[in-house]
Amino acid sequence: MSDMADADVEIIVSFLVEKFDLKSKEQIKQLSCKTFGFASRQFRFLLSTNEGKVLNLFIKKVSTMKIDSNKEIAMYETLIPEIMQFVEMISEDLANELQSCFIKCYMSHHTTNENQEPLHYLVLEDFTSREGEFKFRDVPELVAERLGVIHGSFLAWQRSKHPGLTPAEMLEKYPFLTECYTAETGDLNEGFFIWQTLAVDKIIRVDEEFSAAPDKLAVLEKLGRLVKLCPHLARLRHETQKPRQQFFCPTLADVHGGNIAMSESEKDILFFDFDIIRISSPLIDFHHFTAGSLRCSPHDKPAIVNNLLMIYIDSFLSTCHALNCDVKKSELLDEYKLTHNWYTITSYFVPLLTLEIQGVSNEDEEKFFKEIINLDVDTESDKIREIVANIGNPVKVYKENVLKFLRSVEPEQLDKLEKQVIELKLNVSA
């Protein structure tokens, strides 16, 4: 229980006692807690009420350190209730289907710490304790079908309740959404990607085992080319993901296997972790899922993605039709082609740049990057080895994953990527 601060326990217990009308704090039994993720803490509680009812709760503490710290709270407090109310007025069955895609949010709580800085807590259902054993897994066909329900509902709500609004006007009305990459988060991501890439470059160059590898020069050449591409791709990602008037709505933004849970029967699915919800093309969520969460060979992937696309489009169109929103299949296919073009380009290097150093605290990770980034690989290699050794095994895994990625990249693929970056830069500038 050492991961949970005493102040967190006191705050959580106090508002749970008040919310659920408990006779005393002793009626709450703490099961476990765990700390992970950027500037957030997540705890599990078992709550026994005075009527004998038992609730399994999943509590997220969101601090103000994170740029998008209020997004998930706004999703549960504002966006989901508004969209659910809209859908319920038209179709109760569709509303039930949409509601089943999200875990229950019992309440949110806002307070301040000892420095009078705002703190936010979300009290959510602990779906891992649901009957039917929800687990972190996904069935791609069901993910595609339910994404169609979510996006069709979100788009229909927006066009019905906010007809004619531009992306900028929607952002003004719902400021917690933001664009895909605002100038602020774009700069942050660009800087972080460059940090990671350069740090990996230094780690690999001083690695004694790698220095004897027969493909050393080929790997270093490919890594050097990616280092040069990195800032251009980060900026292009910011420019090319801006929402367009023709097709935009709120999106979940972080749809991958780690943010999806499936029931044992594989009939129910839950999406969660909404701390980067934003306005963009709904197809971005589809691309994000199919690019990073499909377990298949490169040879089979095009046919599998095409099948999932048809499932997604059918679900999207039937949801829109039920909610009196006019969307044509040709429009969705055109949107898929348009977004797929830049998504595959700007996301090509994500396996390299977004590998996390698992098991390392945020403070240690930031310290690691800052310490290593300004060192010269030729004159300070011993210092680099020392820093890497202090971080330990997580960096070893990180390095091995990066090497595996680089060895899988063909020079011809980098040639094509560099050419596409030049073409995109010209198009964005025009």
Protein backbone atom coordinates (compact mmCIF):
# COMPACT_ATOMS: atom_id res chain seq x y z
CA MET A 1 0.00 0.00 0.00
CA SER A 2 3.05 2.22 -0.03
CA ASP A 3 2.17 3.62 -3.46
CA MET A 4 -0.85 5.42 -2.03
CA ALA A 5 -0.16 8.66 -0.20
CA ASP A 6 -1.92 9.18 3.14
CA ALA A 7 -3.45 12.39 1.80
CA ASP A 8 -5.01 10.47 -1.11
CA VAL A 9 -6.46 7.87 1.24
CA GLU A 10 -8.01 10.56 3.46
CA ILE A 11 -9.53 12.46 0.53
CA ILE A 12 -10.88 9.35 -1.19
CA VAL A 13 -12.34 7.82 1.97
CA SER A 14 -13.98 11.09 3.04
CA PHE A 15 -15.89 11.71 -0.16
CA LEU A 16 -16.84 8.03 -0.58
CA VAL A 17 -18.35 8.03 2.91
CA GLU A 18 -20.35 11.15 2.03
CA LYS A 19 -21.36 10.05 -1.47
CA PHE A 20 -22.56 6.58 -0.53
CA ASP A 21 -24.03 7.59 2.85
CA LEU A 22 -21.85 5.30 4.92
CA LYS A 23 -22.03 5.23 8.71
CA SER A 24 -18.28 5.21 9.14
CA LYS A 25 -15.00 5.01 7.33
CA GLU A 26 -14.56 1.46 8.62
CA GLN A 27 -17.09 0.26 6.03
CA ILE A 28 -14.53 0.85 3.26
CA LYS A 29 -12.01 -1.92 2.72
CA GLN A 30 -8.95 -1.12 0.69
CA LEU A 31 -7.89 -3.95 -1.63
CA SER A 32 -4.91 -2.70 -3.59
CA CYS A 33 -3.44 0.31 -5.26
CA LYS A 34 -0.95 0.92 -8.01
CA THR A 35 0.86 3.96 -9.35
CA PHE A 36 1.61 4.23 -13.05
CA GLY A 37 1.20 6.57 -16.02
CA PHE A 38 2.16 10.20 -16.52
CA ALA A 39 1.20 12.32 -13.49
CA SER A 40 -1.73 10.15 -12.49
CA ARG A 41 -2.45 7.64 -9.75
CA GLN A 42 -4.88 4.80 -9.92
CA PHE A 43 -6.30 2.92 -6.95
CA ARG A 44 -8.67 0.01 -6.44
CA PHE A 45 -11.15 -0.02 -3.54
CA LEU A 46 -13.78 -2.43 -2.32
CA LEU A 47 -16.69 -0.39 -0.96
CA SER A 48 -19.23 -2.02 1.39
CA THR A 49 -22.31 0.17 1.92
CA ASN A 50 -24.50 0.20 5.03
CA GLU A 51 -27.15 -1.78 3.11
CA GLY A 52 -24.63 -4.54 2.50
CA LYS A 53 -24.10 -3.62 -1.16
CA VAL A 54 -20.61 -4.13 -2.51
CA LEU A 55 -19.06 -1.91 -5.17
CA ASN A 56 -15.69 -2.47 -6.77
CA LEU A 57 -14.25 0.94 -7.54
CA PHE A 58 -11.40 2.09 -9.74
CA ILE A 59 -10.22 5.54 -8.71
CA LYS A 60 -8.05 7.79 -10.84
CA LYS A 61 -6.30 10.78 -9.38
CA VAL A 62 -5.41 13.29 -12.08
CA SER A 63 -2.87 15.98 -11.23
CA THR A 64 -2.29 19.31 -12.92
CA MET A 65 1.15 18.29 -14.23
CA LYS A 66 -0.34 16.91 -17.39
CA ILE A 67 -1.37 19.22 -20.24
CA ASP A 68 -4.54 17.22 -20.87
CA SER A 69 -5.26 16.49 -17.21
CA ASN A 70 -8.95 17.45 -17.34
CA LYS A 71 -9.91 15.66 -20.55
CA GLU A 72 -11.05 12.38 -19.06
CA ILE A 73 -13.04 14.12 -16.34
CA ALA A 74 -14.75 16.28 -18.98
CA MET A 75 -15.48 13.17 -21.05
CA TYR A 76 -17.42 11.60 -18.17
CA GLU A 77 -18.93 14.81 -16.78
CA THR A 78 -19.90 16.52 -20.03
CA LEU A 79 -19.47 14.72 -23.32
CA ILE A 80 -20.83 11.22 -22.63
CA PRO A 81 -23.93 12.52 -20.74
CA GLU A 82 -24.77 15.02 -23.51
CA ILE A 83 -24.39 12.47 -26.28
CA MET A 84 -26.27 9.78 -24.33
CA GLN A 85 -29.19 12.17 -23.77
CA PHE A 86 -29.32 12.92 -27.49
CA VAL A 87 -29.23 9.24 -28.50
CA GLU A 88 -31.79 8.17 -25.87
CA MET A 89 -34.35 10.64 -27.26
CA ILE A 90 -34.17 8.84 -30.62
CA SER A 91 -33.36 5.21 -29.87
CA GLU A 92 -33.28 3.56 -26.46
CA ASP A 93 -31.76 0.38 -27.90
CA LEU A 94 -28.92 2.29 -29.54
CA ALA A 95 -28.39 4.27 -26.34
CA ASN A 96 -28.02 1.02 -24.38
CA GLU A 97 -25.52 -0.26 -26.94
CA LEU A 98 -23.52 2.97 -26.79
CA GLN A 99 -23.57 3.04 -22.98
CA SER A 100 -22.28 -0.53 -22.85
CA CYS A 101 -19.07 0.62 -24.55
CA PHE A 102 -18.01 2.70 -21.53
CA ILE A 103 -17.30 1.80 -17.92
CA LYS A 104 -19.56 3.36 -15.29
CA CYS A 105 -18.51 6.64 -13.73
CA TYR A 106 -20.05 6.94 -10.26
CA MET A 107 -18.80 10.42 -9.52
CA SER A 108 -15.99 12.93 -9.87
CA HIS A 109 -14.47 14.91 -7.06
CA HIS A 110 -12.55 18.19 -7.18
CA THR A 111 -10.40 19.47 -4.35
CA THR A 112 -7.05 21.17 -3.73
CA ASN A 113 -3.75 20.05 -2.25
CA GLU A 114 -1.73 21.74 0.48
CA ASN A 115 -0.47 24.30 -2.08
CA GLN A 116 -4.04 25.12 -3.15
CA GLU A 117 -3.46 23.48 -6.55
CA PRO A 118 -6.48 21.68 -8.02
CA LEU A 119 -6.74 17.90 -7.74
CA HIS A 120 -9.30 15.78 -9.55
CA TYR A 121 -10.50 12.26 -8.77
CA LEU A 122 -12.67 10.00 -10.91
CA VAL A 123 -14.59 7.19 -9.21
CA LEU A 124 -15.12 4.54 -11.87
CA GLU A 125 -16.36 0.99 -11.99
CA ASP A 126 -13.59 -1.58 -11.56
CA PHE A 127 -14.52 -3.62 -14.63
CA THR A 128 -11.96 -6.31 -13.76
CA SER A 129 -14.37 -7.39 -11.01
CA ARG A 130 -17.39 -7.63 -13.28
CA GLU A 131 -19.14 -10.93 -13.60
CA GLY A 132 -17.99 -12.47 -16.87
CA GLU A 133 -14.31 -11.61 -16.33
CA PHE A 134 -13.51 -8.59 -18.45
CA LYS A 135 -9.85 -8.71 -19.43
CA PHE A 136 -7.42 -6.57 -21.39
CA ARG A 137 -7.91 -8.11 -24.79
CA ASP A 138 -9.75 -7.31 -27.97
CA VAL A 139 -11.49 -8.98 -30.88
CA PRO A 140 -10.79 -6.73 -33.91
CA GLU A 141 -14.18 -7.32 -35.53
CA LEU A 142 -16.05 -6.27 -32.40
CA VAL A 143 -13.76 -3.27 -31.88
CA ALA A 144 -14.48 -2.10 -35.44
CA GLU A 145 -18.23 -2.60 -35.02
CA ARG A 146 -18.43 -0.73 -31.69
CA LEU A 147 -16.17 2.06 -32.94
CA GLY A 148 -18.73 2.55 -35.70
CA VAL A 149 -21.47 2.90 -33.07
CA ILE A 150 -19.43 5.41 -31.05
CA HIS A 151 -18.35 7.52 -34.02
CA GLY A 152 -21.76 7.44 -35.68
CA SER A 153 -23.35 8.62 -32.43
CA PHE A 154 -20.73 11.32 -31.84
CA LEU A 155 -21.02 12.65 -35.40
CA ALA A 156 -24.83 12.59 -35.37
CA TRP A 157 -24.87 14.44 -32.02
CA GLN A 158 -22.50 17.09 -33.29
CA ARG A 159 -24.33 17.70 -36.57
CA SER A 160 -27.73 17.75 -34.85
CA LYS A 161 -26.89 19.82 -31.77
CA HIS A 162 -24.19 22.02 -33.30
CA PRO A 163 -25.00 22.28 -37.01
CA GLY A 164 -22.63 24.35 -39.09
CA LEU A 165 -20.08 24.92 -36.35
CA THR A 166 -16.49 25.02 -37.53
CA PRO A 167 -13.79 23.04 -35.72
CA ALA A 168 -12.59 26.28 -34.13
CA GLU A 169 -16.10 27.06 -32.86
CA MET A 170 -16.47 23.53 -31.46
CA LEU A 171 -13.15 23.91 -29.68
CA GLU A 172 -14.34 27.18 -28.20
CA LYS A 173 -17.56 25.53 -26.98
CA TYR A 174 -15.76 22.42 -25.69
CA PRO A 175 -12.22 23.62 -24.92
CA PHE A 176 -11.24 20.36 -23.24
CA LEU A 177 -11.31 18.60 -26.62
CA THR A 178 -8.53 20.53 -28.44
CA GLU A 179 -7.28 19.61 -31.89
CA CYS A 180 -5.33 16.45 -32.61
CA TYR A 181 -2.11 18.28 -31.95
CA THR A 182 -2.25 21.81 -30.66
CA ALA A 183 0.84 23.95 -30.94
CA GLU A 184 1.56 23.21 -27.29
CA THR A 185 1.24 19.42 -27.44
CA GLY A 186 2.82 19.36 -30.89
CA ASP A 187 5.96 21.00 -29.56
CA LEU A 188 5.94 18.68 -26.56
CA ASN A 189 5.61 15.56 -28.68
CA GLU A 190 8.21 16.74 -31.15
CA GLY A 191 10.69 17.44 -28.38
CA PHE A 192 10.00 14.14 -26.66
CA PHE A 193 10.33 12.14 -29.88
CA ILE A 194 13.66 13.78 -30.65
CA TRP A 195 14.85 13.14 -27.09
CA GLN A 196 13.99 9.46 -27.42
CA THR A 197 15.54 9.03 -30.84
CA LEU A 198 18.80 10.75 -29.97
CA ALA A 199 19.04 8.91 -26.66
CA VAL A 200 18.57 5.57 -28.42
CA ASP A 201 21.26 6.58 -30.90
CA LYS A 202 23.71 7.17 -28.03
CA ILE A 203 22.78 3.95 -26.22
CA ILE A 204 23.31 1.83 -29.32
CA ARG A 205 26.60 3.48 -30.28
CA VAL A 206 28.24 2.73 -26.89
CA ASP A 207 26.78 -0.76 -26.51
CA GLU A 208 29.66 -3.24 -26.45
CA GLU A 209 27.59 -6.16 -27.72
CA PHE A 210 26.24 -4.13 -30.62
CA SER A 211 29.70 -2.85 -31.55
CA ALA A 212 30.60 -6.34 -32.74
CA ALA A 213 27.37 -6.90 -34.66
CA PRO A 214 27.91 -7.52 -38.40
CA ASP A 215 25.05 -5.17 -39.32
CA LYS A 216 26.26 -2.35 -37.07
CA LEU A 217 26.88 0.19 -39.85
CA ALA A 218 23.59 -0.56 -41.63
CA VAL A 219 21.60 -0.12 -38.42
CA LEU A 220 23.36 3.12 -37.52
CA GLU A 221 22.74 4.52 -40.99
CA LYS A 222 19.01 3.80 -40.73
CA LEU A 223 18.85 5.28 -37.24
CA GLY A 224 20.66 8.41 -38.43
CA ARG A 225 18.14 8.87 -41.23
CA LEU A 226 15.25 8.57 -38.77
CA VAL A 227 16.89 11.09 -36.45
CA LYS A 228 16.93 13.60 -39.32
CA LEU A 229 13.32 12.84 -40.25
CA CYS A 230 12.03 13.08 -36.70
CA PRO A 231 11.43 16.85 -36.35
CA HIS A 232 9.89 17.07 -39.84
CA LEU A 233 7.48 14.21 -39.14
CA ALA A 234 6.49 15.69 -35.79
CA ARG A 235 5.62 19.03 -37.40
CA LEU A 236 3.82 17.37 -40.29
CA ARG A 237 1.79 15.34 -37.84
CA HIS A 238 0.63 18.56 -36.21
CA GLU A 239 -0.27 20.16 -39.55
CA THR A 240 -1.92 17.20 -41.26
CA GLN A 241 -4.08 16.04 -38.33
CA LYS A 242 -5.96 19.29 -37.93
CA PRO A 243 -9.74 18.74 -38.10
CA ARG A 244 -11.34 19.69 -41.41
CA GLN A 245 -14.78 21.23 -41.80
CA GLN A 246 -15.95 18.41 -44.08
CA PHE A 247 -15.60 15.61 -41.56
CA PHE A 248 -14.85 15.95 -37.85
CA CYS A 249 -16.26 15.06 -34.45
CA PRO A 250 -15.02 14.19 -30.95
CA THR A 251 -12.82 11.07 -31.03
CA LEU A 252 -11.36 8.76 -28.39
CA ALA A 253 -7.85 9.29 -29.82
CA ASP A 254 -6.01 6.47 -28.01
CA VAL A 255 -7.68 3.30 -29.27
CA HIS A 256 -5.35 0.35 -28.79
CA GLY A 257 -5.35 -3.04 -27.07
CA GLY A 258 -4.21 -1.61 -23.74
CA ASN A 259 -7.28 0.65 -23.56
CA ILE A 260 -9.83 -2.01 -24.54
CA ALA A 261 -11.32 -4.80 -22.41
CA MET A 262 -13.37 -7.74 -23.63
CA SER A 263 -15.81 -9.95 -21.75
CA GLU A 264 -15.11 -13.65 -21.53
CA SER A 265 -18.03 -14.31 -23.88
CA GLU A 266 -16.49 -11.86 -26.39
CA LYS A 267 -19.88 -10.21 -26.77
CA ASP A 268 -19.20 -7.06 -24.76
CA ILE A 269 -16.38 -4.56 -25.04
CA LEU A 270 -15.26 -1.56 -23.02
CA PHE A 271 -13.24 1.45 -24.15
CA PHE A 272 -11.48 3.58 -21.54
CA ASP A 273 -8.61 5.98 -20.86
CA PHE A 274 -9.86 9.23 -22.41
CA ASP A 275 -7.12 11.62 -21.34
CA ILE A 276 -6.31 12.66 -24.93
CA ILE A 277 -9.83 12.91 -26.41
CA ARG A 278 -9.88 15.47 -29.19
CA ILE A 279 -11.59 16.74 -32.31
CA SER A 280 -10.46 15.06 -35.50
CA SER A 281 -11.63 12.76 -38.25
CA PRO A 282 -13.28 9.67 -36.73
CA LEU A 283 -11.18 7.55 -39.08
CA ILE A 284 -8.13 8.49 -37.01
CA ASP A 285 -9.31 6.16 -34.23
CA PHE A 286 -9.74 3.36 -36.77
CA HIS A 287 -6.26 3.89 -38.20
CA HIS A 288 -4.76 4.09 -34.73
CA PHE A 289 -6.25 0.73 -33.79
CA THR A 290 -5.40 -1.11 -37.01
CA ALA A 291 -1.87 0.35 -37.14
CA GLY A 292 -0.88 -0.66 -33.62
CA SER A 293 -3.11 -3.44 -32.30
CA LEU A 294 -3.54 -6.06 -35.04
CA ARG A 295 -1.58 -9.27 -34.53
CA CYS A 296 -1.05 -10.51 -38.06
CA SER A 297 1.64 -10.84 -40.70
CA PRO A 298 2.36 -7.93 -43.09
CA HIS A 299 1.19 -10.17 -45.93
CA ASP A 300 -2.24 -10.74 -44.37
CA LYS A 301 -2.74 -7.26 -42.93
CA PRO A 302 -4.24 -5.44 -46.00
CA ALA A 303 -7.04 -8.00 -46.36
CA ILE A 304 -7.72 -8.00 -42.61
CA VAL A 305 -7.82 -4.19 -42.43
CA ASN A 306 -10.14 -4.04 -45.44
CA ASN A 307 -12.54 -6.50 -43.77
CA LEU A 308 -12.48 -4.45 -40.56
CA LEU A 309 -13.06 -1.27 -42.56
CA MET A 310 -16.23 -2.73 -44.10
CA ILE A 311 -17.49 -3.78 -40.64
CA TYR A 312 -16.71 -0.31 -39.28
CA ILE A 313 -18.39 1.53 -42.18
CA ASP A 314 -21.55 -0.64 -42.01
CA SER A 315 -21.83 0.02 -38.27
CA PHE A 316 -21.08 3.73 -38.69
CA LEU A 317 -23.70 4.15 -41.44
CA SER A 318 -26.42 2.17 -39.67
CA THR A 319 -25.87 4.21 -36.49
CA CYS A 320 -26.02 7.49 -38.39
CA HIS A 321 -29.16 6.34 -40.23
CA ALA A 322 -30.85 5.45 -36.91
CA LEU A 323 -30.00 8.92 -35.59
CA ASN A 324 -31.20 10.75 -38.73
CA CYS A 325 -27.70 11.79 -39.78
CA ASP A 326 -27.04 11.69 -43.52
CA VAL A 327 -23.63 10.17 -44.25
CA LYS A 328 -22.83 8.34 -47.48
CA LYS A 329 -20.60 5.30 -47.83
CA SER A 330 -18.58 7.07 -50.50
CA GLU A 331 -17.82 9.88 -48.03
CA LEU A 332 -16.45 7.44 -45.47
CA LEU A 333 -14.34 5.65 -48.10
CA ASP A 334 -12.92 8.97 -49.31
CA GLU A 335 -12.17 9.98 -45.73
CA TYR A 336 -10.43 6.67 -45.15
CA LYS A 337 -8.17 7.15 -48.17
CA LEU A 338 -7.36 10.74 -47.26
CA THR A 339 -6.50 10.06 -43.63
CA HIS A 340 -4.72 6.79 -44.40
CA ASN A 341 -2.28 8.59 -46.70
CA TRP A 342 -0.80 10.87 -44.06
CA TYR A 343 -1.38 8.54 -41.11
CA THR A 344 0.84 5.83 -42.55
CA ILE A 345 3.55 8.39 -43.25
CA THR A 346 3.57 10.22 -39.92
CA SER A 347 3.08 7.04 -37.89
CA TYR A 348 5.67 4.94 -39.67
CA PHE A 349 8.32 5.52 -37.02
CA VAL A 350 6.03 5.30 -33.98
CA PRO A 351 7.27 1.80 -33.01
CA LEU A 352 10.70 3.36 -32.57
CA LEU A 353 9.78 6.67 -31.00
CA THR A 354 6.96 5.73 -28.65
CA LEU A 355 8.49 2.68 -27.00
CA GLU A 356 8.22 3.37 -23.29
CA ILE A 357 10.85 2.41 -20.76
CA GLN A 358 8.54 0.14 -18.81
CA GLY A 359 9.09 -0.02 -15.08
CA VAL A 360 10.90 3.31 -14.85
CA SER A 361 9.22 6.14 -12.97
CA ASN A 362 8.38 9.33 -14.86
CA GLU A 363 10.95 11.26 -12.86
CA ASP A 364 13.70 8.73 -13.60
CA GLU A 365 12.78 8.62 -17.29
CA GLU A 366 12.91 12.40 -17.63
CA LYS A 367 16.18 12.53 -15.69
CA PHE A 368 17.58 9.79 -17.91
CA PHE A 369 16.80 11.65 -21.14
CA LYS A 370 18.05 14.98 -19.83
CA GLU A 371 21.32 13.51 -18.60
CA ILE A 372 22.14 11.54 -21.70
CA ILE A 373 20.97 13.94 -24.39
CA ASN A 374 23.84 16.44 -24.12
CA LEU A 375 26.64 13.90 -23.84
CA ASP A 376 29.07 13.36 -26.71
CA VAL A 377 29.11 9.73 -27.78
CA ASP A 378 32.80 9.86 -28.81
CA THR A 379 34.28 11.53 -25.72
CA GLU A 380 31.81 10.63 -22.95
CA SER A 381 30.89 7.03 -23.76
CA ASP A 382 31.78 5.84 -20.24
CA LYS A 383 29.35 8.36 -18.75
CA ILE A 384 26.61 7.16 -21.11
CA ARG A 385 27.21 3.55 -20.07
CA GLU A 386 27.04 4.56 -16.42
CA ILE A 387 23.70 6.32 -16.86
CA VAL A 388 22.26 3.38 -18.79
CA ALA A 389 23.54 0.96 -16.13
CA ASN A 390 21.81 2.96 -13.39
CA ILE A 391 18.46 2.66 -15.16
CA GLY A 392 19.06 -1.07 -15.57
CA ASN A 393 17.08 -3.76 -17.31
CA PRO A 394 14.22 -1.59 -18.72
CA VAL A 395 16.73 0.23 -20.95
CA LYS A 396 18.08 -3.11 -22.15
CA VAL A 397 14.59 -4.14 -23.23
CA TYR A 398 14.05 -0.71 -24.78
CA LYS A 399 17.29 -0.98 -26.78
CA GLU A 400 16.50 -4.52 -27.94
CA ASN A 401 13.06 -3.45 -29.19
CA VAL A 402 14.55 -0.53 -31.09
CA LEU A 403 17.21 -2.73 -32.70
CA LYS A 404 14.53 -5.22 -33.72
CA PHE A 405 12.56 -2.41 -35.32
CA LEU A 406 15.58 -0.96 -37.15
CA ARG A 407 16.65 -4.34 -38.49
CA SER A 408 13.16 -4.86 -39.91
CA VAL A 409 13.26 -1.57 -41.84
CA GLU A 410 14.38 -1.85 -45.47
CA PRO A 411 16.44 1.04 -46.93
CA GLU A 412 13.87 1.29 -49.74
CA GLN A 413 11.19 2.01 -47.15
CA LEU A 414 13.23 4.92 -45.80
CA ASP A 415 13.77 6.19 -49.36
CA LYS A 416 10.02 6.24 -49.86
CA LEU A 417 9.41 7.85 -46.46
CA GLU A 418 11.89 10.67 -47.15
CA LYS A 419 10.29 11.32 -50.53
CA GLN A 420 6.80 11.42 -49.01
CA VAL A 421 7.95 13.81 -46.28
CA ILE A 422 9.27 16.22 -48.93
CA GLU A 423 6.00 16.01 -50.87
CA LEU A 424 3.89 16.50 -47.73
CA LYS A 425 6.00 19.47 -46.65
CA LEU A 426 5.33 21.11 -50.00
CA ASN A 427 1.58 20.39 -49.79
CA VAL A 428 1.31 21.71 -46.24
CA SER A 429 3.22 24.86 -47.14
CA ALA A 430 1.13 25.53 -50.25
